[in-house]
Structure formats: C-alpha cells, structure tokens
PDB file of N, CA and C in Angstrom:
ATOM      1  N   UNK A   1      -6.410  -0.503 -21.121  1.00  0.00           N
ATOM      2  CA  UNK A   1      -5.708  -1.752 -21.032  1.00  0.00           C
ATOM      3  C   UNK A   1      -6.610  -2.799 -20.394  1.00  0.00           C
ATOM      4  N   UNK A   2      -6.492  -3.996 -20.825  1.00  0.00           N
ATOM      5  CA  UNK A   2      -7.264  -5.099 -20.254  1.00  0.00           C
ATOM      6  C   UNK A   2      -6.469  -5.723 -19.117  1.00  0.00           C
ATOM      7  N   UNK A   3      -6.451  -5.019 -17.996  1.00  0.00           N
ATOM      8  CA  UNK A   3      -5.699  -5.445 -16.824  1.00  0.00           C
ATOM      9  C   UNK A   3      -6.667  -5.502 -15.657  1.00  0.00           C
ATOM     10  N   UNK A   4      -6.606  -6.582 -14.884  1.00  0.00           N
ATOM     11  CA  UNK A   4      -7.512  -6.740 -13.746  1.00  0.00           C
ATOM     12  C   UNK A   4      -7.049  -5.996 -12.510  1.00  0.00           C
ATOM     13  N   UNK A   5      -5.732  -5.900 -12.315  1.00  0.00           N
ATOM     14  CA  UNK A   5      -5.212  -5.273 -11.105  1.00  0.00           C
ATOM     15  C   UNK A   5      -4.031  -4.365 -11.431  1.00  0.00           C
ATOM     16  N   UNK A   6      -4.091  -3.170 -10.880  1.00  0.00           N
ATOM     17  CA  UNK A   6      -2.973  -2.246 -10.957  1.00  0.00           C
ATOM     18  C   UNK A   6      -2.295  -2.225  -9.595  1.00  0.00           C
ATOM     19  N   UNK A   7      -0.971  -2.283  -9.571  1.00  0.00           N
ATOM     20  CA  UNK A   7      -0.203  -2.206  -8.332  1.00  0.00           C
ATOM     21  C   UNK A   7       0.595  -0.906  -8.427  1.00  0.00           C
ATOM     22  N   UNK A   8       0.184   0.062  -7.610  1.00  0.00           N
ATOM     23  CA  UNK A   8       0.732   1.407  -7.728  1.00  0.00           C
ATOM     24  C   UNK A   8       1.361   1.881  -6.421  1.00  0.00           C
ATOM     25  N   UNK A   9       2.393   2.679  -6.558  1.00  0.00           N
ATOM     26  CA  UNK A   9       3.116   3.214  -5.408  1.00  0.00           C
ATOM     27  C   UNK A   9       2.432   4.482  -4.904  1.00  0.00           C
ATOM     28  N   UNK A  10       1.954   4.440  -3.657  1.00  0.00           N
ATOM     29  CA  UNK A  10       1.327   5.605  -3.044  1.00  0.00           C
ATOM     30  C   UNK A  10       1.886   5.914  -1.664  1.00  0.00           C
ATOM     31  N   UNK A  11       3.051   5.392  -1.331  1.00  0.00           N
ATOM     32  CA  UNK A  11       3.626   5.615  -0.003  1.00  0.00           C
ATOM     33  C   UNK A  11       4.288   6.984   0.126  1.00  0.00           C
ATOM     34  N   UNK A  12       4.604   7.621  -0.978  1.00  0.00           N
ATOM     35  CA  UNK A  12       5.252   8.926  -0.923  1.00  0.00           C
ATOM     36  C   UNK A  12       4.382   9.966  -1.626  1.00  0.00           C
ATOM     37  N   UNK A  13       4.501  11.223  -1.246  1.00  0.00           N
ATOM     38  CA  UNK A  13       3.680  12.280  -1.847  1.00  0.00           C
ATOM     39  C   UNK A  13       3.854  12.427  -3.359  1.00  0.00           C
ATOM     40  N   UNK A  14       5.003  12.038  -3.888  1.00  0.00           N
ATOM     41  CA  UNK A  14       5.231  12.202  -5.334  1.00  0.00           C
ATOM     42  C   UNK A  14       4.284  11.355  -6.177  1.00  0.00           C
ATOM     43  N   UNK A  15       3.621  10.384  -5.559  1.00  0.00           N
ATOM     44  CA  UNK A  15       2.681   9.535  -6.281  1.00  0.00           C
ATOM     45  C   UNK A  15       1.426  10.297  -6.695  1.00  0.00           C
ATOM     46  N   UNK A  16       1.157  11.374  -6.008  1.00  0.00           N
ATOM     47  CA  UNK A  16      -0.049  12.130  -6.322  1.00  0.00           C
ATOM     48  C   UNK A  16      -1.224  11.642  -5.491  1.00  0.00           C
ATOM     49  N   UNK A  17      -2.392  12.046  -5.902  1.00  0.00           N
ATOM     50  CA  UNK A  17      -3.608  11.742  -5.155  1.00  0.00           C
ATOM     51  C   UNK A  17      -4.307  10.526  -5.745  1.00  0.00           C
ATOM     52  N   UNK A  18      -4.844   9.702  -4.896  1.00  0.00           N
ATOM     53  CA  UNK A  18      -5.554   8.487  -5.324  1.00  0.00           C
ATOM     54  C   UNK A  18      -6.808   8.821  -6.134  1.00  0.00           C
ATOM     55  N   UNK A  19      -7.296  10.059  -6.023  1.00  0.00           N
ATOM     56  CA  UNK A  19      -8.510  10.444  -6.742  1.00  0.00           C
ATOM     57  C   UNK A  19      -8.385  10.228  -8.254  1.00  0.00           C
ATOM     58  N   UNK A  20      -7.227  10.515  -8.796  1.00  0.00           N
ATOM     59  CA  UNK A  20      -7.035  10.379 -10.251  1.00  0.00           C
ATOM     60  C   UNK A  20      -7.264   8.933 -10.682  1.00  0.00           C
ATOM     61  N   UNK A  21      -6.641   8.000  -9.984  1.00  0.00           N
ATOM     62  CA  UNK A  21      -6.775   6.579 -10.317  1.00  0.00           C
ATOM     63  C   UNK A  21      -8.165   6.076  -9.939  1.00  0.00           C
ATOM     64  N   UNK A  22      -8.651   6.502  -8.780  1.00  0.00           N
ATOM     65  CA  UNK A  22      -9.953   6.041  -8.312  1.00  0.00           C
ATOM     66  C   UNK A  22     -11.084   6.395  -9.245  1.00  0.00           C
ATOM     67  N   UNK A  23     -11.022   7.559  -9.822  1.00  0.00           N
ATOM     68  CA  UNK A  23     -12.091   7.994 -10.730  1.00  0.00           C
ATOM     69  C   UNK A  23     -12.057   7.234 -12.050  1.00  0.00           C
ATOM     70  N   UNK A  24     -10.905   6.747 -12.444  1.00  0.00           N
ATOM     71  CA  UNK A  24     -10.779   6.087 -13.748  1.00  0.00           C
ATOM     72  C   UNK A  24     -10.744   4.575 -13.693  1.00  0.00           C
ATOM     73  N   UNK A  25     -10.217   4.014 -12.615  1.00  0.00           N
ATOM     74  CA  UNK A  25      -9.963   2.571 -12.584  1.00  0.00           C
ATOM     75  C   UNK A  25     -10.698   1.856 -11.451  1.00  0.00           C
ATOM     76  N   UNK A  26     -11.785   2.410 -10.980  1.00  0.00           N
ATOM     77  CA  UNK A  26     -12.489   1.808  -9.840  1.00  0.00           C
ATOM     78  C   UNK A  26     -13.154   0.480 -10.173  1.00  0.00           C
ATOM     79  N   UNK A  27     -13.173   0.117 -11.433  1.00  0.00           N
ATOM     80  CA  UNK A  27     -13.745  -1.179 -11.823  1.00  0.00           C
ATOM     81  C   UNK A  27     -12.697  -2.298 -11.776  1.00  0.00           C
ATOM     82  N   UNK A  28     -11.461  -1.966 -11.392  1.00  0.00           N
ATOM     83  CA  UNK A  28     -10.367  -2.934 -11.325  1.00  0.00           C
ATOM     84  C   UNK A  28      -9.977  -3.162  -9.871  1.00  0.00           C
ATOM     85  N   UNK A  29      -9.014  -4.027  -9.649  1.00  0.00           N
ATOM     86  CA  UNK A  29      -8.420  -4.192  -8.330  1.00  0.00           C
ATOM     87  C   UNK A  29      -7.240  -3.233  -8.224  1.00  0.00           C
ATOM     88  N   UNK A  30      -6.932  -2.835  -6.990  1.00  0.00           N
ATOM     89  CA  UNK A  30      -5.812  -1.944  -6.774  1.00  0.00           C
ATOM     90  C   UNK A  30      -4.895  -2.492  -5.702  1.00  0.00           C
ATOM     91  N   UNK A  31      -3.635  -2.695  -6.052  1.00  0.00           N
ATOM     92  CA  UNK A  31      -2.589  -2.970  -5.081  1.00  0.00           C
ATOM     93  C   UNK A  31      -2.050  -1.622  -4.662  1.00  0.00           C
ATOM     94  N   UNK A  32      -2.428  -1.176  -3.478  1.00  0.00           N
ATOM     95  CA  UNK A  32      -2.114   0.169  -3.015  1.00  0.00           C
ATOM     96  C   UNK A  32      -0.802   0.169  -2.232  1.00  0.00           C
ATOM     97  N   UNK A  33       0.215   0.787  -2.786  1.00  0.00           N
ATOM     98  CA  UNK A  33       1.494   0.896  -2.096  1.00  0.00           C
ATOM     99  C   UNK A  33       1.369   1.840  -0.911  1.00  0.00           C
ATOM    100  N   UNK A  34       1.566   1.317   0.292  1.00  0.00           N
ATOM    101  CA  UNK A  34       1.441   2.135   1.503  1.00  0.00           C
ATOM    102  C   UNK A  34       2.706   2.137   2.348  1.00  0.00           C
ATOM    103  N   UNK A  35       3.694   1.342   1.980  1.00  0.00           N
ATOM    104  CA  UNK A  35       4.940   1.223   2.733  1.00  0.00           C
ATOM    105  C   UNK A  35       6.093   1.710   1.862  1.00  0.00           C
ATOM    106  N   UNK A  36       6.918   2.606   2.401  1.00  0.00           N
ATOM    107  CA  UNK A  36       8.100   3.076   1.691  1.00  0.00           C
ATOM    108  C   UNK A  36       9.299   2.232   2.134  1.00  0.00           C
ATOM    109  N   UNK A  37       9.795   1.347   1.292  1.00  0.00           N
ATOM    110  CA  UNK A  37      10.897   0.474   1.690  1.00  0.00           C
ATOM    111  C   UNK A  37      12.242   1.191   1.795  1.00  0.00           C
ATOM    112  N   UNK A  38      12.301   2.433   1.365  1.00  0.00           N
ATOM    113  CA  UNK A  38      13.577   3.151   1.349  1.00  0.00           C
ATOM    114  C   UNK A  38      13.852   3.950   2.621  1.00  0.00           C
ATOM    115  N   UNK A  39      12.881   3.999   3.543  1.00  0.00           N
ATOM    116  CA  UNK A  39      13.101   4.743   4.787  1.00  0.00           C
ATOM    117  C   UNK A  39      13.188   3.771   5.958  1.00  0.00           C
ATOM    118  N   UNK A  40      13.803   4.238   7.035  1.00  0.00           N
ATOM    119  CA  UNK A  40      13.895   3.432   8.251  1.00  0.00           C
ATOM    120  C   UNK A  40      12.680   3.617   9.147  1.00  0.00           C
ATOM    121  N   UNK A  41      11.890   4.630   8.878  1.00  0.00           N
ATOM    122  CA  UNK A  41      10.715   4.913   9.695  1.00  0.00           C
ATOM    123  C   UNK A  41       9.622   3.874   9.412  1.00  0.00           C
ATOM    124  N   UNK A  42       9.127   3.260  10.467  1.00  0.00           N
ATOM    125  CA  UNK A  42       8.032   2.304  10.330  1.00  0.00           C
ATOM    126  C   UNK A  42       6.731   3.097  10.338  1.00  0.00           C
ATOM    127  N   UNK A  43       5.969   2.959   9.283  1.00  0.00           N
ATOM    128  CA  UNK A  43       4.733   3.701   9.137  1.00  0.00           C
ATOM    129  C   UNK A  43       3.733   3.294  10.215  1.00  0.00           C
ATOM    130  N   UNK A  44       3.091   4.265  10.868  1.00  0.00           N
ATOM    131  CA  UNK A  44       2.074   3.921  11.869  1.00  0.00           C
ATOM    132  C   UNK A  44       0.866   3.249  11.215  1.00  0.00           C
ATOM    133  N   UNK A  45       0.293   2.298  11.914  1.00  0.00           N
ATOM    134  CA  UNK A  45      -0.873   1.570  11.406  1.00  0.00           C
ATOM    135  C   UNK A  45      -1.986   2.556  11.036  1.00  0.00           C
ATOM    136  N   UNK A  46      -2.151   3.601  11.837  1.00  0.00           N
ATOM    137  CA  UNK A  46      -3.204   4.588  11.577  1.00  0.00           C
ATOM    138  C   UNK A  46      -2.994   5.297  10.239  1.00  0.00           C
ATOM    139  N   UNK A  47      -1.753   5.567   9.875  1.00  0.00           N
ATOM    140  CA  UNK A  47      -1.464   6.182   8.592  1.00  0.00           C
ATOM    141  C   UNK A  47      -1.825   5.232   7.452  1.00  0.00           C
ATOM    142  N   UNK A  48      -1.482   3.971   7.610  1.00  0.00           N
ATOM    143  CA  UNK A  48      -1.767   2.976   6.577  1.00  0.00           C
ATOM    144  C   UNK A  48      -3.268   2.792   6.389  1.00  0.00           C
ATOM    145  N   UNK A  49      -4.007   2.713   7.488  1.00  0.00           N
ATOM    146  CA  UNK A  49      -5.455   2.546   7.371  1.00  0.00           C
ATOM    147  C   UNK A  49      -6.093   3.797   6.771  1.00  0.00           C
ATOM    148  N   UNK A  50      -5.565   4.965   7.092  1.00  0.00           N
ATOM    149  CA  UNK A  50      -6.101   6.207   6.521  1.00  0.00           C
ATOM    150  C   UNK A  50      -5.918   6.240   5.005  1.00  0.00           C
ATOM    151  N   UNK A  51      -4.761   5.797   4.530  1.00  0.00           N
ATOM    152  CA  UNK A  51      -4.527   5.749   3.081  1.00  0.00           C
ATOM    153  C   UNK A  51      -5.495   4.772   2.412  1.00  0.00           C
ATOM    154  N   UNK A  52      -5.695   3.636   3.056  1.00  0.00           N
ATOM    155  CA  UNK A  52      -6.626   2.649   2.507  1.00  0.00           C
ATOM    156  C   UNK A  52      -8.057   3.181   2.521  1.00  0.00           C
ATOM    157  N   UNK A  53      -8.433   3.855   3.590  1.00  0.00           N
ATOM    158  CA  UNK A  53      -9.791   4.407   3.674  1.00  0.00           C
ATOM    159  C   UNK A  53     -10.037   5.426   2.572  1.00  0.00           C
ATOM    160  N   UNK A  54      -9.020   6.200   2.233  1.00  0.00           N
ATOM    161  CA  UNK A  54      -9.142   7.144   1.116  1.00  0.00           C
ATOM    162  C   UNK A  54      -9.395   6.379  -0.179  1.00  0.00           C
ATOM    163  N   UNK A  55      -8.669   5.296  -0.395  1.00  0.00           N
ATOM    164  CA  UNK A  55      -8.880   4.482  -1.601  1.00  0.00           C
ATOM    165  C   UNK A  55     -10.250   3.818  -1.588  1.00  0.00           C
ATOM    166  N   UNK A  56     -10.741   3.494  -0.400  1.00  0.00           N
ATOM    167  CA  UNK A  56     -12.060   2.851  -0.294  1.00  0.00           C
ATOM    168  C   UNK A  56     -13.205   3.793  -0.646  1.00  0.00           C
ATOM    169  N   UNK A  57     -12.908   5.062  -0.857  1.00  0.00           N
ATOM    170  CA  UNK A  57     -13.925   5.972  -1.388  1.00  0.00           C
ATOM    171  C   UNK A  57     -14.268   5.592  -2.830  1.00  0.00           C
ATOM    172  N   UNK A  58     -13.362   4.870  -3.496  1.00  0.00           N
ATOM    173  CA  UNK A  58     -13.536   4.482  -4.896  1.00  0.00           C
ATOM    174  C   UNK A  58     -13.635   2.974  -5.094  1.00  0.00           C
ATOM    175  N   UNK A  59     -12.973   2.220  -4.238  1.00  0.00           N
ATOM    176  CA  UNK A  59     -12.877   0.773  -4.403  1.00  0.00           C
ATOM    177  C   UNK A  59     -13.656   0.063  -3.316  1.00  0.00           C
ATOM    178  N   UNK A  60     -14.220  -1.079  -3.663  1.00  0.00           N
ATOM    179  CA  UNK A  60     -14.851  -1.926  -2.658  1.00  0.00           C
ATOM    180  C   UNK A  60     -13.737  -2.682  -1.918  1.00  0.00           C
ATOM    181  N   UNK A  61     -13.988  -3.058  -0.666  1.00  0.00           N
ATOM    182  CA  UNK A  61     -12.926  -3.702   0.115  1.00  0.00           C
ATOM    183  C   UNK A  61     -12.268  -4.899  -0.572  1.00  0.00           C
ATOM    184  N   UNK A  62     -13.038  -5.709  -1.283  1.00  0.00           N
ATOM    185  CA  UNK A  62     -12.441  -6.892  -1.927  1.00  0.00           C
ATOM    186  C   UNK A  62     -11.579  -6.539  -3.144  1.00  0.00           C
ATOM    187  N   UNK A  63     -11.593  -5.277  -3.561  1.00  0.00           N
ATOM    188  CA  UNK A  63     -10.777  -4.825  -4.689  1.00  0.00           C
ATOM    189  C   UNK A  63      -9.437  -4.250  -4.243  1.00  0.00           C
ATOM    190  N   UNK A  64      -9.251  -4.057  -2.951  1.00  0.00           N
ATOM    191  CA  UNK A  64      -8.091  -3.335  -2.454  1.00  0.00           C
ATOM    192  C   UNK A  64      -7.109  -4.257  -1.745  1.00  0.00           C
ATOM    193  N   UNK A  65      -5.831  -4.124  -2.086  1.00  0.00           N
ATOM    194  CA  UNK A  65      -4.750  -4.911  -1.497  1.00  0.00           C
ATOM    195  C   UNK A  65      -3.661  -3.960  -1.048  1.00  0.00           C
ATOM    196  N   UNK A  66      -3.179  -4.117   0.175  1.00  0.00           N
ATOM    197  CA  UNK A  66      -2.084  -3.277   0.659  1.00  0.00           C
ATOM    198  C   UNK A  66      -0.753  -3.877   0.224  1.00  0.00           C
ATOM    199  N   UNK A  67       0.118  -3.032  -0.278  1.00  0.00           N
ATOM    200  CA  UNK A  67       1.426  -3.456  -0.775  1.00  0.00           C
ATOM    201  C   UNK A  67       2.501  -2.503  -0.295  1.00  0.00           C
ATOM    202  N   UNK A  68       3.734  -2.896  -0.519  1.00  0.00           N
ATOM    203  CA  UNK A  68       4.851  -1.971  -0.354  1.00  0.00           C
ATOM    204  C   UNK A  68       5.046  -1.247  -1.683  1.00  0.00           C
ATOM    205  N   UNK A  69       5.634  -0.062  -1.634  1.00  0.00           N
ATOM    206  CA  UNK A  69       6.093   0.575  -2.868  1.00  0.00           C
ATOM    207  C   UNK A  69       7.329  -0.202  -3.282  1.00  0.00           C
ATOM    208  N   UNK A  70       7.350  -0.720  -4.468  1.00  0.00           N
ATOM    209  CA  UNK A  70       8.471  -1.515  -4.943  1.00  0.00           C
ATOM    210  C   UNK A  70       8.689  -2.670  -3.966  1.00  0.00           C
ATOM    211  N   UNK A  71       9.902  -2.967  -3.622  1.00  0.00           N
ATOM    212  CA  UNK A  71      10.173  -4.067  -2.705  1.00  0.00           C
ATOM    213  C   UNK A  71      11.352  -3.728  -1.817  1.00  0.00           C
ATOM    214  N   UNK A  72      11.684  -4.629  -0.927  1.00  0.00           N
ATOM    215  CA  UNK A  72      12.784  -4.396  -0.009  1.00  0.00           C
ATOM    216  C   UNK A  72      14.120  -4.862  -0.579  1.00  0.00           C
ATOM    217  N   UNK A  73      14.116  -5.531  -1.703  1.00  0.00           N
ATOM    218  CA  UNK A  73      15.356  -6.051  -2.274  1.00  0.00           C
ATOM    219  C   UNK A  73      15.554  -5.603  -3.698  1.00  0.00           C
ATOM    220  N   UNK A  74      15.550  -4.291  -3.930  1.00  0.00           N
ATOM    221  CA  UNK A  74      15.618  -3.747  -5.289  1.00  0.00           C
ATOM    222  C   UNK A  74      16.981  -3.915  -5.958  1.00  0.00           C
ATOM    223  N   UNK A  75      18.009  -4.121  -5.154  1.00  0.00           N
ATOM    224  CA  UNK A  75      19.350  -4.210  -5.718  1.00  0.00           C
ATOM    225  C   UNK A  75      19.937  -5.583  -5.424  1.00  0.00           C
ATOM    226  N   UNK A  76      20.540  -6.184  -6.400  1.00  0.00           N
ATOM    227  CA  UNK A  76      21.065  -7.537  -6.253  1.00  0.00           C
ATOM    228  C   UNK A  76      22.154  -7.626  -5.183  1.00  0.00           C
ATOM    229  N   UNK A  77      23.006  -6.621  -5.086  1.00  0.00           N
ATOM    230  CA  UNK A  77      24.144  -6.704  -4.174  1.00  0.00           C
ATOM    231  C   UNK A  77      23.822  -6.245  -2.748  1.00  0.00           C
ATOM    232  N   UNK A  78      22.728  -5.509  -2.561  1.00  0.00           N
ATOM    233  CA  UNK A  78      22.336  -5.087  -1.209  1.00  0.00           C
ATOM    234  C   UNK A  78      20.843  -4.805  -1.180  1.00  0.00           C
ATOM    235  N   UNK A  79      20.242  -5.112  -0.069  1.00  0.00           N
ATOM    236  CA  UNK A  79      18.809  -4.843   0.042  1.00  0.00           C
ATOM    237  C   UNK A  79      18.591  -3.368   0.356  1.00  0.00           C
ATOM    238  N   UNK A  80      17.376  -2.915   0.139  1.00  0.00           N
ATOM    239  CA  UNK A  80      17.044  -1.513   0.342  1.00  0.00           C
ATOM    240  C   UNK A  80      17.007  -1.164   1.829  1.00  0.00           C
ATOM    241  N   UNK A  81      16.634  -2.111   2.661  1.00  0.00           N
ATOM    242  CA  UNK A  81      16.498  -1.823   4.074  1.00  0.00           C
ATOM    243  C   UNK A  81      17.006  -2.990   4.906  1.00  0.00           C
ATOM    244  N   UNK A  82      17.254  -2.719   6.163  1.00  0.00           N
ATOM    245  CA  UNK A  82      17.680  -3.771   7.086  1.00  0.00           C
ATOM    246  C   UNK A  82      16.529  -4.746   7.307  1.00  0.00           C
ATOM    247  N   UNK A  83      16.858  -5.995   7.536  1.00  0.00           N
ATOM    248  CA  UNK A  83      15.844  -7.035   7.751  1.00  0.00           C
ATOM    249  C   UNK A  83      14.866  -6.678   8.867  1.00  0.00           C
ATOM    250  N   UNK A  84      15.389  -6.196   9.975  1.00  0.00           N
ATOM    251  CA  UNK A  84      14.536  -5.874  11.122  1.00  0.00           C
ATOM    252  C   UNK A  84      13.541  -4.763  10.788  1.00  0.00           C
ATOM    253  N   UNK A  85      13.994  -3.740  10.067  1.00  0.00           N
ATOM    254  CA  UNK A  85      13.115  -2.632   9.678  1.00  0.00           C
ATOM    255  C   UNK A  85      12.057  -3.134   8.693  1.00  0.00           C
ATOM    256  N   UNK A  86      12.484  -3.908   7.718  1.00  0.00           N
ATOM    257  CA  UNK A  86      11.539  -4.457   6.738  1.00  0.00           C
ATOM    258  C   UNK A  86      10.479  -5.302   7.444  1.00  0.00           C
ATOM    259  N   UNK A  87      10.902  -6.112   8.392  1.00  0.00           N
ATOM    260  CA  UNK A  87       9.972  -6.954   9.143  1.00  0.00           C
ATOM    261  C   UNK A  87       8.947  -6.098   9.893  1.00  0.00           C
ATOM    262  N   UNK A  88       9.400  -5.049  10.565  1.00  0.00           N
ATOM    263  CA  UNK A  88       8.496  -4.172  11.322  1.00  0.00           C
ATOM    264  C   UNK A  88       7.520  -3.454  10.389  1.00  0.00           C
ATOM    265  N   UNK A  89       8.010  -3.047   9.229  1.00  0.00           N
ATOM    266  CA  UNK A  89       7.130  -2.391   8.253  1.00  0.00           C
ATOM    267  C   UNK A  89       6.054  -3.364   7.759  1.00  0.00           C
ATOM    268  N   UNK A  90       6.457  -4.592   7.476  1.00  0.00           N
ATOM    269  CA  UNK A  90       5.483  -5.590   7.024  1.00  0.00           C
ATOM    270  C   UNK A  90       4.482  -5.925   8.131  1.00  0.00           C
ATOM    271  N   UNK A  91       4.951  -5.968   9.378  1.00  0.00           N
ATOM    272  CA  UNK A  91       4.036  -6.204  10.505  1.00  0.00           C
ATOM    273  C   UNK A  91       3.011  -5.089  10.618  1.00  0.00           C
ATOM    274  N   UNK A  92       3.436  -3.848  10.401  1.00  0.00           N
ATOM    275  CA  UNK A  92       2.506  -2.717  10.434  1.00  0.00           C
ATOM    276  C   UNK A  92       1.472  -2.839   9.316  1.00  0.00           C
ATOM    277  N   UNK A  93       1.913  -3.265   8.141  1.00  0.00           N
ATOM    278  CA  UNK A  93       0.992  -3.431   7.022  1.00  0.00           C
ATOM    279  C   UNK A  93      -0.028  -4.530   7.305  1.00  0.00           C
ATOM    280  N   UNK A  94       0.415  -5.629   7.900  1.00  0.00           N
ATOM    281  CA  UNK A  94      -0.488  -6.727   8.268  1.00  0.00           C
ATOM    282  C   UNK A  94      -1.490  -6.251   9.322  1.00  0.00           C
ATOM    283  N   UNK A  95      -1.012  -5.498  10.313  1.00  0.00           N
ATOM    284  CA  UNK A  95      -1.907  -4.974  11.348  1.00  0.00           C
ATOM    285  C   UNK A  95      -2.959  -4.042  10.739  1.00  0.00           C
ATOM    286  N   UNK A  96      -2.550  -3.230   9.783  1.00  0.00           N
ATOM    287  CA  UNK A  96      -3.491  -2.336   9.107  1.00  0.00           C
ATOM    288  C   UNK A  96      -4.526  -3.138   8.318  1.00  0.00           C
ATOM    289  N   UNK A  97      -4.073  -4.156   7.619  1.00  0.00           N
ATOM    290  CA  UNK A  97      -5.004  -4.998   6.851  1.00  0.00           C
ATOM    291  C   UNK A  97      -6.012  -5.675   7.775  1.00  0.00           C
ATOM    292  N   UNK A  98      -5.551  -6.162   8.906  1.00  0.00           N
ATOM    293  CA  UNK A  98      -6.463  -6.804   9.869  1.00  0.00           C
ATOM    294  C   UNK A  98      -7.488  -5.810  10.397  1.00  0.00           C
ATOM    295  N   UNK A  99      -7.024  -4.612  10.706  1.00  0.00           N
ATOM    296  CA  UNK A  99      -7.932  -3.577  11.204  1.00  0.00           C
ATOM    297  C   UNK A  99      -8.970  -3.216  10.146  1.00  0.00           C
ATOM    298  N   UNK A 100      -8.546  -3.085   8.914  1.00  0.00           N
ATOM    299  CA  UNK A 100      -9.470  -2.756   7.825  1.00  0.00           C
ATOM    300  C   UNK A 100     -10.480  -3.886   7.593  1.00  0.00           C
ATOM    301  N   UNK A 101     -10.014  -5.124   7.665  1.00  0.00           N
ATOM    302  CA  UNK A 101     -10.936  -6.261   7.527  1.00  0.00           C
ATOM    303  C   UNK A 101     -11.969  -6.251   8.643  1.00  0.00           C
ATOM    304  N   UNK A 102     -11.511  -5.942   9.852  1.00  0.00           N
ATOM    305  CA  UNK A 102     -12.419  -5.889  10.987  1.00  0.00           C
ATOM    306  C   UNK A 102     -13.504  -4.817  10.763  1.00  0.00           C
ATOM    307  N   UNK A 103     -13.089  -3.680  10.266  1.00  0.00           N
ATOM    308  CA  UNK A 103     -14.029  -2.562  10.053  1.00  0.00           C
ATOM    309  C   UNK A 103     -14.959  -2.750   8.872  1.00  0.00           C
ATOM    310  N   UNK A 104     -14.445  -3.360   7.792  1.00  0.00           N
ATOM    311  CA  UNK A 104     -15.194  -3.371   6.532  1.00  0.00           C
ATOM    312  C   UNK A 104     -15.708  -4.751   6.125  1.00  0.00           C
ATOM    313  N   UNK A 105     -15.581  -5.735   6.976  1.00  0.00           N
ATOM    314  CA  UNK A 105     -16.086  -7.085   6.626  1.00  0.00           C
ATOM    315  C   UNK A 105     -17.477  -7.292   7.159  1.00  0.00           C
TER     316      UNK A 105
END
C-alpha cells in the first residue's frame, strides 16, 4: 500500500510483537499505540518508553509517534473512560514522549 504512516494498536498483548511490522514497514512512519483507553490503570512512563524503545530497533526517532489504542470516546452515548483517567493516561504518554526526545534527540 502507498501509505506514509500506519497507526497500530500495541497497548495490549493481543496486538502481537512489533517485530512483524518493524521488519516489513520500517520505511514508513508508525503511530505506536501504547495506551489502553479501556482500562482504569494509568500506564507507567517506563512501560511506555520501553515499548517505544522496542519499536526504535526498527524505526528512526522521527518516524515514531506515540498514540492511544483507538480513542477515549469510542461510543457516542458514553466515553470509554472517565475524564480524569483519560487525562492521566495522556499525561503519562506526553511524559514518555518527552523522555524519549531527551534520550534520542
């Protein structure tokens, strides 16, 4: 496919290993899903950076973007998570991105 960026869900084990995508699509950009919007647990920054570091075995830093798996508002009548939890999860993702920029810039 002639696509510049793939945005894939990798926050849960069912996504499989990044190696499969990394070996085939390392010439593209990757939106790496690292946040599970369906749980109340806020992912630790260290877990998020570890997932990104695994992807960085295949992608250059400017090719990698941290994302949530899906979104926090998947259903029209109710959101997937409470606002406060979603906010904390997004803050963790931002902190991970800052840490990765610090390390790899």
